[in-house]
Amino acid sequence: MNSVLIGKYNVPGPRYTSYPTVPYWDDESFTAVAWKESLTRSFKESNAKEGISLYIHLPFCESLCTFCGCNKRITKNHGVEVPYVASLLKEWDIYLKLFKERPRIKELHFGGGTPTFFSVKSLQFLLDGLFGKADKAEDFEFSFEGHPNNTLPEHLEVLAKYGFRRVSYGVQDYNETVQKAIHRIQPFEKVKSATGAARKAGYTSVGHDIIFGLPFQKAEHIVHTIEKTKELMPDRIAFYSYAHVPWIKGNGQRGFKEADLPSAEEKRRMYETGKKMLEDAGYVEIGMDHFALKTDSLYKSVEKKQLHRNFMGYTSSTTQVMVGLGVSAIGDSWYGFAQNVKGVQEYEALVAEGILPVYRGHILNEEDLIIRRHILNLMCKLETSWKGDDLKFPELPEVLISLKEMEKDGILKLDAEGLSIGELGRPFVRNVCMAFDLLLQRKKPETRLFSMTV
């Protein structure tokens, strides 16, 4: 990796799971009424045609992993499960009243937190409640995030009966020093056992998450972790950069010093080393940070030009509506975003009163919708076009001028009707998106909001 390019483009930037990005949402003019209107409009347009996505946030963890940036609540008290699931189903009922017809669920994902903190019985209660008032769409894909240390064969088998065929396990790194620093002690044998149990239960896509740039991590740790990963050959791998944002995520990420983290150049060396090893093993790089075998649905979605990106990350199919249930969950109507309150007690109290528990959001205007399409194209296809008038916007000439430097550096190619990002430019796709991010260009943040792009 060119160290000059790293030094030049390694700046704070969004990961673009949405546009506008959350710090640039217009919270002041957002209302729950406007969110509901955008959602009902979108549901009418899309439910019969493609169905909806459903993201459910299950926030509880028994211990704190210090690398984690997710909204979580640390507890060993499993008595929290039943009231929380009951609240999720009450929130689901609020949305069902808005929709006025049975939703067709195409994508369902359990995130966290640690979804496998919940007992099999609690998850069954949740799923029975969801599907008592909804149907499965054609070609549905249901998935969950599993902790290798506590995902039981019973979890896998019961969820498989409801149609789950994809699970992702957080591996991060197999080196003991790194594991101690991030408070995630997880032997290879645990991951091997959980991976084998998933395949035995009929899961067709088993994923592993590997992070580079963790405290005390070195290039040889990445080599060791990927060598061990190759023994199991998961169907897809999320290989992504650690986002060090302690000013946002609080005390969890203050468990080690900045000096304990590898430099930007060391991180890129880790990425290049890992990428080559994965490609040599038969994995194909997809979008940003993701690799998949050619037999996996994520790779097939690229071939069919169906790869999509939202708050769940990369997904293998597109739905116009994504409903988010649970604390901090974000919903997406395509025309708007809304995020739930982050505290468990506040969330449960609101839904008990029949109140939609959103506390902030953004309704997209025409400019937002155009820029959103460009950024989705770049993140999912590594290219975009302004051939049609519907993808042109007044500031486009200025954006193209700002991209000239990246073109000179070999990151992208420009022509009269579009641009494409080459192999050299893959690590800098976020930087290319930032050139299109009009809200970011108009108001540069005065404080650190985002992790570094490299």
Protein backbone atom coordinates (compact mmCIF):
# COMPACT_ATOMS: atom_id res chain seq x y z
CA MET A 1 0.00 0.00 0.00
CA ASN A 2 1.32 3.41 -0.98
CA SER A 3 2.29 5.15 2.26
CA VAL A 4 2.00 8.55 0.57
CA LEU A 5 -1.67 7.87 -0.23
CA ILE A 6 -2.27 6.67 3.32
CA GLY A 7 -0.86 9.87 4.75
CA LYS A 8 -2.84 11.94 2.28
CA TYR A 9 -6.27 10.33 2.62
CA ASN A 10 -6.30 8.97 6.17
CA VAL A 11 -8.81 11.42 7.61
CA PRO A 12 -11.93 11.07 9.78
CA GLY A 13 -14.90 9.98 7.68
CA PRO A 14 -18.28 8.22 7.80
CA ARG A 15 -18.79 4.53 7.04
CA TYR A 16 -21.91 5.44 5.03
CA THR A 17 -24.46 2.95 6.31
CA SER A 18 -26.81 5.85 5.55
CA TYR A 19 -26.97 9.17 3.78
CA PRO A 20 -27.35 11.64 5.33
CA THR A 21 -25.05 10.28 8.03
CA VAL A 22 -26.46 10.40 11.56
CA PRO A 23 -24.54 13.52 12.73
CA TYR A 24 -26.11 15.45 9.83
CA TRP A 25 -29.69 14.43 10.42
CA ASP A 26 -32.09 17.36 10.73
CA ASP A 27 -33.35 16.43 14.19
CA GLU A 28 -34.91 19.83 14.80
CA SER A 29 -37.53 19.54 12.08
CA PHE A 30 -37.99 15.77 12.46
CA THR A 31 -41.25 14.54 13.99
CA ALA A 32 -42.64 11.11 14.70
CA VAL A 33 -45.66 12.07 12.57
CA ALA A 34 -43.46 12.76 9.54
CA TRP A 35 -41.64 9.46 10.10
CA LYS A 36 -44.91 7.54 10.21
CA GLU A 37 -46.10 9.24 7.02
CA SER A 38 -42.90 8.38 5.16
CA LEU A 39 -43.07 4.80 6.40
CA THR A 40 -46.70 4.16 5.46
CA ARG A 41 -46.06 5.66 2.00
CA SER A 42 -43.06 3.42 1.45
CA PHE A 43 -44.78 0.33 2.83
CA LYS A 44 -47.66 0.76 0.37
CA GLU A 45 -45.20 1.08 -2.51
CA SER A 46 -43.04 -1.91 -1.64
CA ASN A 47 -44.58 -4.54 0.64
CA ALA A 48 -46.42 -6.51 -2.04
CA LYS A 49 -43.52 -6.21 -4.46
CA GLU A 50 -40.49 -7.02 -2.32
CA GLY A 51 -41.46 -7.24 1.36
CA ILE A 52 -39.67 -5.47 4.21
CA SER A 53 -36.54 -5.88 6.31
CA LEU A 54 -36.69 -6.16 10.06
CA TYR A 55 -33.77 -5.40 12.37
CA ILE A 56 -34.14 -6.30 16.04
CA HIS A 57 -31.66 -5.00 18.60
CA LEU A 58 -31.02 -7.35 21.53
CA PRO A 59 -28.73 -5.25 23.74
CA PHE A 60 -27.71 -7.46 26.64
CA CYS A 61 -24.19 -8.83 27.17
CA GLU A 62 -22.75 -10.63 30.19
CA SER A 63 -19.40 -8.85 29.86
CA LEU A 64 -18.00 -5.77 28.14
CA CYS A 65 -15.82 -6.13 25.03
CA THR A 66 -13.74 -2.96 24.99
CA PHE A 67 -13.47 -2.72 21.19
CA CYS A 68 -17.24 -2.66 20.75
CA GLY A 69 -19.07 0.45 19.57
CA CYS A 70 -22.59 -1.03 19.80
CA ASN A 71 -25.33 0.05 22.18
CA LYS A 72 -25.28 -2.58 24.91
CA ARG A 73 -26.24 -3.19 28.51
CA ILE A 74 -23.96 -5.35 30.64
CA THR A 75 -25.77 -7.70 33.02
CA LYS A 76 -25.76 -11.31 34.18
CA ASN A 77 -29.42 -11.06 35.16
CA HIS A 78 -31.39 -13.05 32.60
CA GLY A 79 -34.61 -11.90 34.17
CA VAL A 80 -34.43 -8.94 31.77
CA GLU A 81 -35.23 -11.18 28.80
CA VAL A 82 -38.99 -11.66 29.11
CA PRO A 83 -40.00 -8.01 29.70
CA TYR A 84 -37.73 -6.87 26.89
CA VAL A 85 -39.16 -9.36 24.39
CA ALA A 86 -42.67 -8.32 25.46
CA SER A 87 -41.74 -4.71 24.72
CA LEU A 88 -40.38 -5.64 21.29
CA LEU A 89 -43.71 -7.23 20.42
CA LYS A 90 -45.60 -4.17 21.67
CA GLU A 91 -43.48 -1.98 19.41
CA TRP A 92 -44.16 -4.38 16.52
CA ASP A 93 -47.90 -3.95 17.17
CA ILE A 94 -47.54 -0.16 16.88
CA TYR A 95 -46.04 -0.58 13.41
CA LEU A 96 -48.63 -3.15 12.38
CA LYS A 97 -51.39 -0.63 13.11
CA LEU A 98 -49.66 1.82 10.76
CA PHE A 99 -49.32 -0.74 7.98
CA LYS A 100 -52.93 -1.99 8.09
CA GLU A 101 -51.97 -5.18 6.23
CA ARG A 102 -49.74 -8.16 6.93
CA PRO A 103 -46.08 -7.38 6.27
CA ARG A 104 -44.03 -9.78 4.18
CA ILE A 105 -40.65 -10.13 5.87
CA LYS A 106 -37.80 -10.59 3.42
CA GLU A 107 -34.87 -9.93 5.72
CA LEU A 108 -34.73 -10.44 9.47
CA HIS A 109 -31.62 -9.84 11.52
CA PHE A 110 -30.95 -10.14 15.25
CA GLY A 111 -28.13 -7.81 16.30
CA GLY A 112 -26.77 -6.63 19.59
CA GLY A 113 -25.42 -6.72 22.16
CA THR A 114 -25.38 -10.48 22.22
CA PRO A 115 -28.51 -12.07 20.72
CA THR A 116 -27.46 -15.46 22.11
CA PHE A 117 -27.60 -13.95 25.61
CA PHE A 118 -31.32 -14.74 25.22
CA SER A 119 -32.57 -18.23 25.94
CA VAL A 120 -34.03 -20.41 23.22
CA LYS A 121 -37.43 -20.07 24.90
CA SER A 122 -37.27 -16.26 24.81
CA LEU A 123 -36.29 -16.23 21.14
CA GLN A 124 -39.12 -18.63 20.32
CA PHE A 125 -41.58 -16.33 22.11
CA LEU A 126 -40.28 -13.39 20.07
CA LEU A 127 -40.45 -15.18 16.73
CA ASP A 128 -43.92 -16.61 17.39
CA GLY A 129 -45.10 -13.09 18.17
CA LEU A 130 -43.56 -11.65 15.00
CA PHE A 131 -44.83 -14.27 12.59
CA GLY A 132 -48.25 -14.55 14.18
CA LYS A 133 -48.94 -11.25 12.36
CA ALA A 134 -46.57 -11.39 9.38
CA ASP A 135 -45.63 -13.66 6.49
CA LYS A 136 -42.32 -14.67 4.96
CA ALA A 137 -41.55 -13.14 1.57
CA GLU A 138 -40.08 -15.18 -1.24
CA ASP A 139 -36.31 -15.68 -1.09
CA PHE A 140 -36.21 -14.51 2.52
CA GLU A 141 -32.93 -14.39 4.43
CA PHE A 142 -32.89 -14.53 8.23
CA SER A 143 -29.68 -14.09 10.18
CA PHE A 144 -28.27 -13.40 13.61
CA GLU A 145 -25.03 -12.44 15.34
CA GLY A 146 -23.74 -15.21 17.55
CA HIS A 147 -21.11 -15.20 20.28
CA PRO A 148 -19.01 -18.37 19.85
CA ASN A 149 -18.72 -18.77 23.61
CA ASN A 150 -22.46 -18.94 24.29
CA THR A 151 -24.17 -19.95 21.03
CA LEU A 152 -25.62 -23.35 21.82
CA PRO A 153 -26.63 -26.04 19.31
CA GLU A 154 -30.17 -25.48 20.65
CA HIS A 155 -30.03 -21.82 19.55
CA LEU A 156 -28.97 -22.83 16.07
CA GLU A 157 -31.47 -25.67 15.71
CA VAL A 158 -34.51 -23.72 16.92
CA LEU A 159 -33.72 -20.63 14.84
CA ALA A 160 -33.20 -22.88 11.83
CA LYS A 161 -36.77 -24.13 12.23
CA TYR A 162 -37.96 -20.54 11.76
CA GLY A 163 -35.92 -20.16 8.57
CA PHE A 164 -32.59 -18.79 9.80
CA ARG A 165 -29.77 -19.91 7.52
CA ARG A 166 -27.08 -17.31 8.18
CA VAL A 167 -25.06 -16.63 11.33
CA SER A 168 -22.04 -14.39 11.88
CA TYR A 169 -19.57 -15.01 14.69
CA GLY A 170 -17.36 -12.31 16.16
CA VAL A 171 -13.85 -13.73 16.05
CA GLN A 172 -11.80 -10.49 15.99
CA ASP A 173 -8.34 -12.02 16.64
CA TYR A 174 -6.95 -15.30 17.99
CA ASN A 175 -3.92 -13.78 19.75
CA GLU A 176 -4.23 -13.96 23.55
CA THR A 177 -2.61 -10.56 24.19
CA VAL A 178 -5.08 -8.86 21.86
CA GLN A 179 -8.00 -10.81 23.31
CA LYS A 180 -7.10 -9.73 26.84
CA ALA A 181 -6.84 -6.08 25.74
CA ILE A 182 -10.30 -6.14 24.16
CA HIS A 183 -11.75 -8.31 26.95
CA ARG A 184 -12.86 -11.02 24.52
CA ILE A 185 -11.25 -14.32 25.55
CA GLN A 186 -12.30 -16.75 22.88
CA PRO A 187 -10.29 -19.89 22.03
CA PHE A 188 -10.19 -21.21 18.47
CA GLU A 189 -11.87 -24.43 19.63
CA LYS A 190 -14.96 -22.46 20.67
CA VAL A 191 -15.23 -20.89 17.21
CA LYS A 192 -14.63 -24.24 15.56
CA SER A 193 -17.37 -25.85 17.65
CA ALA A 194 -19.87 -23.06 16.96
CA THR A 195 -19.09 -23.08 13.22
CA GLY A 196 -19.49 -26.85 13.02
CA ALA A 197 -22.76 -26.74 14.98
CA ALA A 198 -24.18 -24.15 12.57
CA ARG A 199 -23.35 -26.25 9.54
CA LYS A 200 -24.77 -29.35 11.19
CA ALA A 201 -28.01 -27.43 11.84
CA GLY A 202 -28.31 -26.55 8.14
CA TYR A 203 -26.91 -23.02 7.98
CA THR A 204 -25.77 -22.24 4.44
CA SER A 205 -23.87 -19.04 5.29
CA VAL A 206 -21.57 -18.96 8.30
CA GLY A 207 -19.63 -15.71 8.68
CA HIS A 208 -16.64 -14.70 10.78
CA ASP A 209 -15.81 -11.11 11.76
CA ILE A 210 -12.10 -10.26 11.91
CA ILE A 211 -10.82 -6.84 12.97
CA PHE A 212 -7.48 -5.25 12.14
CA GLY A 213 -6.04 -2.29 14.02
CA LEU A 214 -6.81 -3.58 17.52
CA PRO A 215 -4.60 -2.70 20.50
CA PHE A 216 -1.27 -4.57 20.59
CA GLN A 217 -2.13 -6.24 17.27
CA LYS A 218 0.66 -6.93 14.79
CA ALA A 219 0.72 -8.14 11.18
CA GLU A 220 1.75 -11.63 12.30
CA HIS A 221 -1.42 -11.81 14.42
CA ILE A 222 -3.50 -11.20 11.31
CA VAL A 223 -1.59 -13.94 9.49
CA HIS A 224 -2.19 -16.36 12.38
CA THR A 225 -5.89 -15.46 12.66
CA ILE A 226 -6.54 -15.92 8.95
CA GLU A 227 -4.55 -19.17 8.83
CA LYS A 228 -6.81 -20.50 11.60
CA THR A 229 -9.86 -19.10 9.80
CA LYS A 230 -8.89 -20.99 6.63
CA GLU A 231 -9.12 -24.23 8.60
CA LEU A 232 -12.85 -23.57 8.98
CA MET A 233 -13.51 -21.75 5.64
CA PRO A 234 -16.52 -19.64 6.69
CA ASP A 235 -18.76 -18.67 3.77
CA ARG A 236 -18.20 -14.95 4.25
CA ILE A 237 -15.80 -12.79 6.22
CA ALA A 238 -16.13 -9.24 7.47
CA PHE A 239 -12.54 -7.99 7.61
CA TYR A 240 -12.70 -4.46 8.85
CA SER A 241 -10.76 -1.71 10.55
CA TYR A 242 -11.21 -1.09 14.25
CA ALA A 243 -13.05 2.20 14.75
CA HIS A 244 -11.45 3.95 17.71
CA VAL A 245 -14.02 6.53 18.82
CA PRO A 246 -13.81 6.71 22.64
CA TRP A 247 -15.15 10.28 22.58
CA ILE A 248 -18.44 8.79 21.34
CA LYS A 249 -18.49 5.30 22.82
CA GLY A 250 -17.41 6.14 26.35
CA ASN A 251 -15.33 4.26 28.84
CA GLY A 252 -15.27 0.92 27.02
CA GLN A 253 -12.79 2.15 24.44
CA ARG A 254 -10.68 3.92 27.06
CA GLY A 255 -9.38 0.61 28.44
CA PHE A 256 -6.13 1.06 26.50
CA LYS A 257 -4.01 3.96 25.33
CA GLU A 258 -3.84 5.48 21.83
CA ALA A 259 -0.19 4.47 21.81
CA ASP A 260 -1.25 0.80 22.10
CA LEU A 261 -2.91 0.98 18.67
CA PRO A 262 -1.04 0.22 15.43
CA SER A 263 -0.28 3.14 13.12
CA ALA A 264 -2.32 3.83 9.99
CA GLU A 265 0.45 2.38 7.83
CA GLU A 266 0.64 -0.74 10.00
CA LYS A 267 -3.14 -1.12 9.69
CA ARG A 268 -2.99 -0.91 5.90
CA ARG A 269 -0.21 -3.51 5.90
CA MET A 270 -2.49 -5.77 7.97
CA TYR A 271 -5.30 -5.19 5.50
CA GLU A 272 -3.15 -5.89 2.43
CA THR A 273 -1.70 -9.03 4.03
CA GLY A 274 -5.12 -10.30 5.06
CA LYS A 275 -6.70 -9.47 1.73
CA LYS A 276 -4.08 -11.42 -0.22
CA MET A 277 -4.41 -14.41 2.08
CA LEU A 278 -8.19 -14.41 1.74
CA GLU A 279 -8.11 -14.05 -2.03
CA ASP A 280 -5.53 -16.84 -2.29
CA ALA A 281 -7.95 -18.99 -0.28
CA GLY A 282 -10.78 -18.37 -2.76
CA TYR A 283 -12.59 -15.40 -1.23
CA VAL A 284 -13.77 -12.48 -3.38
CA GLU A 285 -13.65 -8.92 -2.01
CA ILE A 286 -17.09 -7.31 -2.02
CA GLY A 287 -17.76 -3.62 -1.53
CA MET A 288 -15.83 -2.39 1.49
CA ASP A 289 -14.50 -4.71 4.23
CA HIS A 290 -16.30 -7.86 3.06
CA PHE A 291 -15.15 -11.10 1.46
CA ALA A 292 -17.25 -14.08 0.39
CA LEU A 293 -16.89 -17.45 -1.29
CA LYS A 294 -18.53 -17.67 -4.71
CA THR A 295 -21.12 -20.05 -3.28
CA ASP A 296 -22.37 -17.46 -0.76
CA SER A 297 -25.46 -15.31 -1.26
CA LEU A 298 -23.44 -12.11 -0.80
CA TYR A 299 -21.30 -12.92 -3.83
CA LYS A 300 -24.35 -13.97 -5.82
CA SER A 301 -26.03 -10.65 -5.00
CA VAL A 302 -23.08 -8.84 -6.59
CA GLU A 303 -23.44 -10.91 -9.74
CA LYS A 304 -27.16 -10.09 -9.87
CA LYS A 305 -26.43 -6.39 -9.07
CA GLN A 306 -28.59 -6.66 -5.94
CA LEU A 307 -26.02 -5.81 -3.28
CA HIS A 308 -27.42 -3.25 -0.86
CA ARG A 309 -26.10 -1.35 2.17
CA ASN A 310 -28.04 -0.08 5.15
CA PHE A 311 -27.73 0.04 8.93
CA MET A 312 -27.30 -3.74 8.97
CA GLY A 313 -24.23 -3.35 6.73
CA TYR A 314 -24.09 -5.10 3.35
CA THR A 315 -27.15 -7.18 2.52
CA SER A 316 -27.80 -9.53 -0.38
CA SER A 317 -31.13 -8.01 -1.41
CA THR A 318 -32.77 -4.61 -1.44
CA THR A 319 -35.90 -3.63 0.44
CA GLN A 320 -37.29 -0.12 0.49
CA VAL A 321 -38.49 -0.46 4.09
CA MET A 322 -36.46 -1.49 7.10
CA VAL A 323 -38.18 -1.48 10.47
CA GLY A 324 -35.93 -1.28 13.52
CA LEU A 325 -37.22 -2.70 16.80
CA GLY A 326 -35.59 -2.32 20.20
CA VAL A 327 -33.35 0.17 21.96
CA SER A 328 -31.25 2.35 19.61
CA ALA A 329 -32.57 0.50 16.53
CA ILE A 330 -32.80 2.60 13.36
CA GLY A 331 -35.59 2.32 10.83
CA ASP A 332 -35.34 3.31 7.17
CA SER A 333 -38.31 4.12 4.93
CA TRP A 334 -36.03 5.24 2.06
CA TYR A 335 -37.66 8.67 2.46
CA GLY A 336 -36.67 8.96 6.11
CA PHE A 337 -34.75 7.54 9.08
CA ALA A 338 -35.75 7.23 12.72
CA GLN A 339 -33.82 6.01 15.73
CA ASN A 340 -35.21 4.62 18.95
CA VAL A 341 -34.26 5.80 22.43
CA LYS A 342 -31.14 4.13 23.81
CA GLY A 343 -32.16 3.32 27.39
CA VAL A 344 -33.92 0.03 28.12
CA GLN A 345 -36.17 1.42 30.86
CA GLU A 346 -37.21 4.45 28.80
CA TYR A 347 -37.86 2.23 25.78
CA GLU A 348 -40.02 -0.22 27.72
CA ALA A 349 -41.99 2.62 29.37
CA LEU A 350 -42.77 4.30 26.02
CA VAL A 351 -44.00 1.20 24.23
CA ALA A 352 -46.07 0.24 27.28
CA GLU A 353 -47.97 3.50 26.65
CA GLY A 354 -48.37 2.69 22.96
CA ILE A 355 -45.88 5.42 21.98
CA LEU A 356 -43.46 4.85 19.13
CA PRO A 357 -40.09 5.12 20.94
CA VAL A 358 -38.22 7.20 18.34
CA TYR A 359 -36.27 10.19 19.60
CA ARG A 360 -34.50 11.51 16.51
CA GLY A 361 -34.44 11.10 12.76
CA HIS A 362 -34.34 12.73 9.35
CA ILE A 363 -36.76 13.14 6.47
CA LEU A 364 -34.90 13.16 3.16
CA ASN A 365 -35.41 15.98 0.66
CA GLU A 366 -34.89 15.63 -3.11
CA GLU A 367 -31.20 16.48 -2.88
CA ASP A 368 -30.68 13.90 -0.12
CA LEU A 369 -32.32 11.20 -2.24
CA ILE A 370 -30.06 11.90 -5.21
CA ILE A 371 -26.87 11.93 -3.14
CA ARG A 372 -28.00 8.80 -1.31
CA ARG A 373 -28.22 6.92 -4.62
CA HIS A 374 -24.71 8.02 -5.63
CA ILE A 375 -23.23 6.94 -2.30
CA LEU A 376 -25.03 3.59 -2.40
CA ASN A 377 -23.69 3.03 -5.92
CA LEU A 378 -20.15 3.78 -4.77
CA MET A 379 -20.36 1.64 -1.64
CA CYS A 380 -22.02 -1.34 -3.38
CA LYS A 381 -20.75 -1.16 -6.96
CA LEU A 382 -17.61 1.00 -6.69
CA GLU A 383 -19.02 3.18 -9.44
CA THR A 384 -21.74 5.70 -10.09
CA SER A 385 -23.21 7.60 -13.03
CA TRP A 386 -24.93 10.91 -13.72
CA LYS A 387 -26.03 9.96 -17.23
CA GLY A 388 -29.70 10.45 -16.36
CA ASP A 389 -31.10 13.78 -15.27
CA ASP A 390 -32.51 12.14 -12.14
CA LEU A 391 -28.94 11.70 -10.82
CA LYS A 392 -27.69 15.20 -11.57
CA PHE A 393 -27.50 17.96 -8.98
CA PRO A 394 -26.32 21.60 -9.10
CA GLU A 395 -23.06 21.02 -7.21
CA LEU A 396 -21.95 18.12 -9.45
CA PRO A 397 -19.33 20.21 -11.34
CA GLU A 398 -17.69 21.22 -8.05
CA VAL A 399 -17.74 17.59 -6.86
CA LEU A 400 -16.01 16.46 -10.05
CA ILE A 401 -13.35 19.12 -9.65
CA SER A 402 -12.69 17.91 -6.10
CA LEU A 403 -12.24 14.34 -7.42
CA LYS A 404 -9.54 15.30 -9.93
CA GLU A 405 -6.81 14.86 -7.34
CA MET A 406 -8.00 11.31 -6.59
CA GLU A 407 -8.07 10.59 -10.31
CA LYS A 408 -4.47 11.82 -10.61
CA ASP A 409 -3.52 9.52 -7.70
CA GLY A 410 -5.06 6.50 -9.48
CA ILE A 411 -7.88 6.00 -7.00
CA LEU A 412 -10.66 6.42 -9.56
CA LYS A 413 -11.41 7.04 -13.24
CA LEU A 414 -13.67 9.85 -14.41
CA ASP A 415 -15.50 10.30 -17.68
CA ALA A 416 -18.28 12.55 -18.92
CA GLU A 417 -21.06 10.38 -17.49
CA GLY A 418 -19.67 8.67 -14.39
CA LEU A 419 -16.77 7.34 -12.37
CA SER A 420 -15.38 3.99 -11.28
CA ILE A 421 -13.07 3.10 -8.40
CA GLY A 422 -10.17 0.82 -9.28
CA GLU A 423 -8.37 -1.78 -7.19
CA LEU A 424 -5.95 0.82 -5.83
CA GLY A 425 -8.90 2.92 -4.73
CA ARG A 426 -10.81 0.27 -2.76
CA PRO A 427 -9.35 1.29 0.61
CA PHE A 428 -10.36 4.89 -0.10
CA VAL A 429 -13.99 4.39 -1.12
CA ARG A 430 -15.13 6.35 1.94
CA ASN A 431 -13.01 9.30 0.79
CA VAL A 432 -14.69 9.21 -2.63
CA CYS A 433 -18.12 9.18 -0.99
CA MET A 434 -17.12 12.17 1.13
CA ALA A 435 -16.68 14.23 -2.04
CA PHE A 436 -20.38 13.63 -2.82
CA ASP A 437 -21.47 14.25 0.77
CA LEU A 438 -22.84 17.77 0.33
CA LEU A 439 -23.86 18.13 3.98
CA LEU A 440 -20.34 17.25 5.11
CA GLN A 441 -18.82 19.65 2.58
CA ARG A 442 -21.04 22.51 3.67
CA LYS A 443 -20.38 22.08 7.36
CA LYS A 444 -17.11 20.43 8.30
CA PRO A 445 -17.30 19.04 11.86
CA GLU A 446 -15.51 21.12 14.48
CA THR A 447 -14.93 18.08 16.70
CA ARG A 448 -14.12 14.43 15.97
CA LEU A 449 -17.30 12.65 14.81
CA PHE A 450 -15.97 9.75 12.77
CA SER A 451 -13.27 7.11 12.81
CA MET A 452 -10.31 7.36 10.44
CA THR A 453 -10.94 6.18 6.88
CA VAL A 454 -7.76 4.10 6.74
